[in-house]
C-alpha cells in the first residue's frame, strides 16, 4: 500500500499494488472525498512503478477498463502510464456463493432500476443506474 498523507496525517489517497519476484499488479486506488485533486493517485502509481523498477520487477499490470470500449475512461486513465497494451482474458470465480448472493440480493432491493441493465455482470452491485 502506498499512501499520500497531508500535514495533519490524513489520508489523501492510496493505491494497493501486489507483487512477486517478476510481476506487479495494480489492484485499486482510493481518494479521500475531501481532496479533489486526482493527480495524487497518478503520482502514487508513478512512485509505485519506480519502486517496482528498483525491485527489478519485469512487468506491471495496471489492468484494463470497465468496458470493452476504447473510450472507456478507466482504460484511458491507465493508458497514460504506458504505450504498451496487451490483450488479456478475465476469468472469474465466486468463492463464497452465499455471500455473493446476499450482496446481489441487497443490491437488487436497493437499486431495482439497475437490475435489468446490469444483472448479467459479475460485479453488478457496482452499478446504480
Protein backbone atom coordinates (compact mmCIF):
# COMPACT_ATOMS: atom_id res chain seq x y z
CA UNK A 1 0.00 0.00 0.00
CA UNK A 2 1.31 3.39 -1.00
CA UNK A 3 -0.33 6.38 0.67
CA UNK A 4 -0.28 10.15 0.38
CA UNK A 5 -0.94 11.98 3.65
CA UNK A 6 -1.45 15.67 4.36
CA UNK A 7 0.29 17.59 7.15
CA UNK A 8 -2.41 16.50 9.65
CA UNK A 9 -1.65 12.86 8.78
CA UNK A 10 -4.99 12.44 6.98
CA UNK A 11 -5.01 10.03 4.06
CA UNK A 12 -5.42 11.90 0.79
CA UNK A 13 -5.15 8.86 -1.47
CA UNK A 14 -3.67 5.38 -1.59
CA UNK A 15 -3.02 2.58 -4.05
CA UNK A 16 -2.70 -1.14 -3.49
CA UNK A 17 -0.08 -2.94 -5.58
CA UNK A 18 0.63 -6.65 -5.16
CA UNK A 19 3.89 -8.06 -6.49
CA UNK A 20 6.04 -11.15 -6.72
CA UNK A 21 9.62 -11.55 -7.88
CA UNK A 22 8.62 -10.89 -11.51
CA UNK A 23 5.14 -9.30 -11.67
CA UNK A 24 3.47 -6.27 -10.17
CA UNK A 25 -0.31 -5.95 -10.22
CA UNK A 26 -2.21 -2.74 -9.55
CA UNK A 27 -5.31 -3.74 -7.60
CA UNK A 28 -7.11 -0.46 -6.91
CA UNK A 29 -6.81 3.06 -5.63
CA UNK A 30 -8.88 5.34 -3.46
CA UNK A 31 -9.06 9.03 -2.72
CA UNK A 32 -10.48 10.90 0.25
CA UNK A 33 -13.57 12.81 -0.95
CA UNK A 34 -12.34 15.91 0.87
CA UNK A 35 -9.45 16.18 -1.60
CA UNK A 36 -10.47 16.78 -5.20
CA UNK A 37 -7.04 16.57 -6.82
CA UNK A 38 -6.90 13.39 -8.93
CA UNK A 39 -3.23 13.90 -9.74
CA UNK A 40 -2.35 12.45 -6.32
CA UNK A 41 -3.40 8.97 -7.49
CA UNK A 42 -1.34 9.45 -10.67
CA UNK A 43 1.67 10.33 -8.52
CA UNK A 44 1.19 7.27 -6.31
CA UNK A 45 1.03 4.97 -9.35
CA UNK A 46 4.17 6.64 -10.70
CA UNK A 47 6.00 6.12 -7.39
CA UNK A 48 4.77 2.52 -7.26
CA UNK A 49 6.23 1.98 -10.74
CA UNK A 50 9.57 3.42 -9.63
CA UNK A 51 9.63 1.11 -6.59
CA UNK A 52 8.83 -1.94 -8.74
CA UNK A 53 11.69 -0.98 -11.07
CA UNK A 54 14.07 -0.73 -8.10
CA UNK A 55 13.00 -4.24 -7.12
CA UNK A 56 13.68 -5.41 -10.70
CA UNK A 57 10.04 -6.37 -11.29
CA UNK A 58 9.72 -7.16 -15.02
CA UNK A 59 6.01 -6.47 -15.60
CA UNK A 60 3.49 -4.11 -14.06
CA UNK A 61 -0.14 -4.88 -14.88
CA UNK A 62 -2.44 -1.90 -14.48
CA UNK A 63 -5.41 -3.85 -15.83
CA UNK A 64 -7.94 -2.54 -18.28
CA UNK A 65 -11.11 -0.54 -18.11
CA UNK A 66 -14.61 -1.46 -17.07
CA UNK A 67 -15.94 -1.90 -20.62
CA UNK A 68 -14.61 -3.14 -23.98
CA UNK A 69 -14.72 0.37 -25.42
CA UNK A 70 -11.52 2.14 -26.47
CA UNK A 71 -13.15 5.25 -24.97
CA UNK A 72 -13.52 3.66 -21.52
CA UNK A 73 -12.46 6.38 -19.04
CA UNK A 74 -10.61 3.98 -16.72
CA UNK A 75 -8.73 2.46 -19.65
CA UNK A 76 -7.81 5.95 -20.92
CA UNK A 77 -6.52 6.87 -17.46
CA UNK A 78 -4.35 3.75 -17.25
CA UNK A 79 -3.14 4.19 -20.84
CA UNK A 80 -1.46 7.45 -19.82
CA UNK A 81 1.18 5.42 -17.96
CA UNK A 82 2.44 3.35 -20.89
CA UNK A 83 2.32 2.87 -24.64
CA UNK A 84 2.38 -0.93 -24.16
CA UNK A 85 -1.05 -2.52 -24.22
CA UNK A 86 -1.55 -6.27 -24.25
CA UNK A 87 -4.67 -8.33 -24.79
CA UNK A 88 -5.72 -10.43 -21.84
CA UNK A 89 -8.62 -12.53 -20.70
CA UNK A 90 -10.53 -12.24 -17.47
CA UNK A 91 -11.50 -15.33 -15.55
CA UNK A 92 -13.92 -15.20 -12.69
CA UNK A 93 -14.86 -17.44 -9.84
CA UNK A 94 -17.22 -16.76 -6.99
CA UNK A 95 -15.55 -18.26 -3.93
CA UNK A 96 -18.34 -17.75 -1.39
CA UNK A 97 -21.59 -18.13 -3.36
CA UNK A 98 -23.89 -17.49 -0.39
CA UNK A 99 -22.23 -14.17 0.47
CA UNK A 100 -22.19 -13.15 -3.19
CA UNK A 101 -25.90 -13.97 -3.48
CA UNK A 102 -26.65 -11.95 -0.33
CA UNK A 103 -24.80 -8.91 -1.68
CA UNK A 104 -26.55 -9.18 -5.06
CA UNK A 105 -29.96 -9.51 -3.41
CA UNK A 106 -29.35 -6.40 -1.31
CA UNK A 107 -28.29 -4.58 -4.46
CA UNK A 108 -31.47 -5.69 -6.27
CA UNK A 109 -33.65 -4.33 -3.46
CA UNK A 110 -31.86 -1.00 -3.24
CA UNK A 111 -31.19 -0.38 -6.95
CA UNK A 112 -34.07 -2.16 -8.64
CA UNK A 113 -33.84 0.12 -11.70
CA UNK A 114 -30.28 -1.07 -12.39
CA UNK A 115 -31.04 -4.78 -12.32
CA UNK A 116 -32.31 -5.08 -15.89
CA UNK A 117 -29.29 -3.35 -17.37
CA UNK A 118 -26.56 -4.89 -15.19
CA UNK A 119 -27.78 -8.25 -13.86
CA UNK A 120 -25.52 -10.19 -16.28
CA UNK A 121 -22.34 -8.64 -14.80
CA UNK A 122 -20.34 -10.33 -12.07
CA UNK A 123 -19.70 -7.02 -10.29
CA UNK A 124 -23.28 -5.86 -10.89
CA UNK A 125 -23.50 -4.38 -7.40
CA UNK A 126 -21.08 -1.63 -8.50
CA UNK A 127 -23.81 -0.13 -10.73
CA UNK A 128 -26.52 2.23 -9.52
CA UNK A 129 -28.27 3.36 -12.71
